C-alpha atoms as a PDB file:
ATOM      1  CA  UNK A   1     -18.534  -6.922   4.513  1.00  0.00           C
ATOM      2  CA  UNK A   2     -15.392  -7.379   6.229  1.00  0.00           C
ATOM      3  CA  UNK A   3     -14.251 -10.539   4.240  1.00  0.00           C
ATOM      4  CA  UNK A   4     -15.523  -8.576   1.286  1.00  0.00           C
ATOM      5  CA  UNK A   5     -13.454  -5.702   1.725  1.00  0.00           C
ATOM      6  CA  UNK A   6     -10.519  -7.419   3.179  1.00  0.00           C
ATOM      7  CA  UNK A   7      -9.825  -8.792  -0.308  1.00  0.00           C
ATOM      8  CA  UNK A   8     -10.924  -5.696  -2.138  1.00  0.00           C
ATOM      9  CA  UNK A   9      -7.991  -3.475  -0.143  1.00  0.00           C
ATOM     10  CA  UNK A  10      -5.995  -6.557  -0.561  1.00  0.00           C
ATOM     11  CA  UNK A  11      -5.972  -6.571  -3.531  1.00  0.00           C
ATOM     12  CA  UNK A  12      -5.058  -2.714  -4.475  1.00  0.00           C
ATOM     13  CA  UNK A  13      -2.433  -3.944  -2.044  1.00  0.00           C
ATOM     14  CA  UNK A  14      -0.917  -6.363  -4.642  1.00  0.00           C
ATOM     15  CA  UNK A  15      -1.755  -4.454  -7.814  1.00  0.00           C
ATOM     16  CA  UNK A  16       0.355  -1.751  -5.802  1.00  0.00           C
ATOM     17  CA  UNK A  17       3.272  -3.658  -4.880  1.00  0.00           C
ATOM     18  CA  UNK A  18       3.279  -5.236  -8.042  1.00  0.00           C
ATOM     19  CA  UNK A  19       2.660  -2.064  -9.987  1.00  0.00           C
ATOM     20  CA  UNK A  20       4.798   1.114 -10.693  1.00  0.00           C
ATOM     21  CA  UNK A  21       3.751   4.632 -11.294  1.00  0.00           C
ATOM     22  CA  UNK A  22       1.060   4.367 -13.337  1.00  0.00           C
ATOM     23  CA  UNK A  23      -1.216   2.207 -10.301  1.00  0.00           C
ATOM     24  CA  UNK A  24       0.114   4.736  -7.742  1.00  0.00           C
ATOM     25  CA  UNK A  25      -1.801   7.425  -9.816  1.00  0.00           C
ATOM     26  CA  UNK A  26      -4.952   5.563 -10.099  1.00  0.00           C
ATOM     27  CA  UNK A  27      -4.810   4.363  -6.516  1.00  0.00           C
ATOM     28  CA  UNK A  28      -3.823   7.016  -4.408  1.00  0.00           C
ATOM     29  CA  UNK A  29      -6.349  10.009  -3.187  1.00  0.00           C
ATOM     30  CA  UNK A  30      -5.404  13.316  -3.931  1.00  0.00           C
ATOM     31  CA  UNK A  31      -4.315  13.811  -0.396  1.00  0.00           C
ATOM     32  CA  UNK A  32      -2.521  10.624   0.106  1.00  0.00           C
ATOM     33  CA  UNK A  33       0.849  10.580   2.175  1.00  0.00           C
ATOM     34  CA  UNK A  34       2.964   7.749   1.655  1.00  0.00           C
ATOM     35  CA  UNK A  35       5.590   7.346   5.053  1.00  0.00           C
ATOM     36  CA  UNK A  36       8.266   5.044   3.940  1.00  0.00           C
ATOM     37  CA  UNK A  37      11.923   4.336   5.652  1.00  0.00           C
ATOM     38  CA  UNK A  38      13.925   8.029   5.038  1.00  0.00           C
ATOM     39  CA  UNK A  39      10.921   9.667   3.850  1.00  0.00           C
ATOM     40  CA  UNK A  40       7.516  11.409   3.650  1.00  0.00           C
ATOM     41  CA  UNK A  41       5.918  11.620   0.414  1.00  0.00           C
ATOM     42  CA  UNK A  42       2.792  13.261  -0.973  1.00  0.00           C
ATOM     43  CA  UNK A  43       1.163  11.424  -4.312  1.00  0.00           C
ATOM     44  CA  UNK A  44       3.588  13.486  -6.533  1.00  0.00           C
ATOM     45  CA  UNK A  45       6.196  12.366  -5.229  1.00  0.00           C
ATOM     46  CA  UNK A  46       5.238   8.861  -4.852  1.00  0.00           C
ATOM     47  CA  UNK A  47       3.878   8.241  -8.164  1.00  0.00           C
ATOM     48  CA  UNK A  48       7.523   9.722  -9.285  1.00  0.00           C
ATOM     49  CA  UNK A  49       9.407   7.468  -7.209  1.00  0.00           C
ATOM     50  CA  UNK A  50       7.686   4.174  -8.292  1.00  0.00           C
ATOM     51  CA  UNK A  51       8.142   5.515 -11.669  1.00  0.00           C
ATOM     52  CA  UNK A  52      11.689   5.267 -11.274  1.00  0.00           C
ATOM     53  CA  UNK A  53      11.370   2.130  -8.959  1.00  0.00           C
ATOM     54  CA  UNK A  54      12.683  -1.127 -10.317  1.00  0.00           C
ATOM     55  CA  UNK A  55       9.762  -3.199  -8.960  1.00  0.00           C
ATOM     56  CA  UNK A  56      10.329  -6.245  -6.990  1.00  0.00           C
ATOM     57  CA  UNK A  57      11.185  -9.726  -8.199  1.00  0.00           C
ATOM     58  CA  UNK A  58       8.696 -11.610  -5.957  1.00  0.00           C
ATOM     59  CA  UNK A  59       6.639  -9.835  -2.632  1.00  0.00           C
ATOM     60  CA  UNK A  60       4.126 -11.464   0.108  1.00  0.00           C
ATOM     61  CA  UNK A  61       1.460 -10.210   2.115  1.00  0.00           C
ATOM     62  CA  UNK A  62       0.387 -11.893   5.023  1.00  0.00           C
ATOM     63  CA  UNK A  63      -1.246 -11.887   8.217  1.00  0.00           C
ATOM     64  CA  UNK A  64      -3.450  -9.332   6.626  1.00  0.00           C
ATOM     65  CA  UNK A  65      -6.354  -7.832   9.256  1.00  0.00           C
ATOM     66  CA  UNK A  66      -8.794  -4.646   8.423  1.00  0.00           C
ATOM     67  CA  UNK A  67      -9.779  -2.500  10.654  1.00  0.00           C
ATOM     68  CA  UNK A  68     -13.169  -0.819   9.706  1.00  0.00           C
ATOM     69  CA  UNK A  69     -13.359   3.015  10.664  1.00  0.00           C
ATOM     70  CA  UNK A  70     -16.726   4.111   9.307  1.00  0.00           C
ATOM     71  CA  UNK A  71     -18.524   3.130   6.451  1.00  0.00           C
ATOM     72  CA  UNK A  72     -16.258   4.743   4.034  1.00  0.00           C
ATOM     73  CA  UNK A  73     -12.733   4.293   5.530  1.00  0.00           C
ATOM     74  CA  UNK A  74     -10.986   0.898   6.663  1.00  0.00           C
ATOM     75  CA  UNK A  75      -7.055   0.075   7.194  1.00  0.00           C
ATOM     76  CA  UNK A  76      -5.677  -2.913   6.576  1.00  0.00           C
ATOM     77  CA  UNK A  77      -2.614  -4.019   8.601  1.00  0.00           C
ATOM     78  CA  UNK A  78      -0.644  -7.123   7.305  1.00  0.00           C
ATOM     79  CA  UNK A  79       3.694  -8.065   6.692  1.00  0.00           C
ATOM     80  CA  UNK A  80       4.864  -7.205   3.289  1.00  0.00           C
ATOM     81  CA  UNK A  81       8.028  -9.352   2.387  1.00  0.00           C
ATOM     82  CA  UNK A  82       9.604  -8.595  -0.629  1.00  0.00           C
ATOM     83  CA  UNK A  83      12.538  -9.519  -2.513  1.00  0.00           C
ATOM     84  CA  UNK A  84      14.692  -7.680  -5.125  1.00  0.00           C
ATOM     85  CA  UNK A  85      18.085  -9.476  -6.886  1.00  0.00           C
ATOM     86  CA  UNK A  86      19.618 -10.382  -3.244  1.00  0.00           C
ATOM     87  CA  UNK A  87      18.284  -7.899  -1.258  1.00  0.00           C
ATOM     88  CA  UNK A  88      15.269  -8.633   0.886  1.00  0.00           C
ATOM     89  CA  UNK A  89      12.669  -6.172   2.622  1.00  0.00           C
ATOM     90  CA  UNK A  90       9.973  -6.771   5.636  1.00  0.00           C
ATOM     91  CA  UNK A  91       8.254  -4.550   6.943  1.00  0.00           C
ATOM     92  CA  UNK A  92       5.311  -4.254   8.996  1.00  0.00           C
ATOM     93  CA  UNK A  93       2.421  -1.982   7.018  1.00  0.00           C
ATOM     94  CA  UNK A  94      -0.754  -0.208   7.336  1.00  0.00           C
ATOM     95  CA  UNK A  95      -2.953   1.481   4.333  1.00  0.00           C
ATOM     96  CA  UNK A  96      -5.983   3.745   5.336  1.00  0.00           C
ATOM     97  CA  UNK A  97      -8.581   3.815   2.512  1.00  0.00           C
ATOM     98  CA  UNK A  98     -11.354   6.000   1.853  1.00  0.00           C
ATOM     99  CA  UNK A  99     -14.302   5.292  -0.606  1.00  0.00           C
ATOM    100  CA  UNK A 100     -14.906   8.352  -3.376  1.00  0.00           C
ATOM    101  CA  UNK A 101     -17.144   8.286  -5.774  1.00  0.00           C
ATOM    102  CA  UNK A 102     -17.666   4.731  -5.045  1.00  0.00           C
ATOM    103  CA  UNK A 103     -14.027   3.742  -5.453  1.00  0.00           C
ATOM    104  CA  UNK A 104     -11.698   3.134  -3.072  1.00  0.00           C
ATOM    105  CA  UNK A 105      -8.545   5.279  -2.454  1.00  0.00           C
ATOM    106  CA  UNK A 106      -4.970   4.800  -0.645  1.00  0.00           C
ATOM    107  CA  UNK A 107      -4.875   7.992   1.663  1.00  0.00           C
ATOM    108  CA  UNK A 108      -2.403   6.695   4.078  1.00  0.00           C
ATOM    109  CA  UNK A 109       0.046   4.195   4.012  1.00  0.00           C
ATOM    110  CA  UNK A 110       2.806   3.688   6.555  1.00  0.00           C
ATOM    111  CA  UNK A 111       6.053   0.960   6.597  1.00  0.00           C
ATOM    112  CA  UNK A 112       7.785   0.507   9.718  1.00  0.00           C
ATOM    113  CA  UNK A 113      10.763  -2.334   8.747  1.00  0.00           C
ATOM    114  CA  UNK A 114      10.606  -5.229  10.633  1.00  0.00           C
ATOM    115  CA  UNK A 115      14.253  -7.341  11.250  1.00  0.00           C
ATOM    116  CA  UNK A 116      14.548  -9.994   7.727  1.00  0.00           C
END
């Protein structure tokens, strides 16, 4: 199941990276915490921030590793690189998912900026 689960969670990460508030509202668990440079946000704050975000012009997710925690929880660790206009952002990301009602929901997301 590892490869299948890794691809399933990567698909959710791509959906979030390419989406906006609507995707975050659907995929984040009610108790979700999102840690980005300069902020720690709950689900409501994250959805509001993403509704205001301009989004990425392009992005890549590389080197994804899956850590299965239990049958209903897993962490995905990867490198993100995105471009918005002339600005490039590169970071190590960790996303922890839990399966609830047969759907995977993001419960914790953390970003550590890397040199570009």
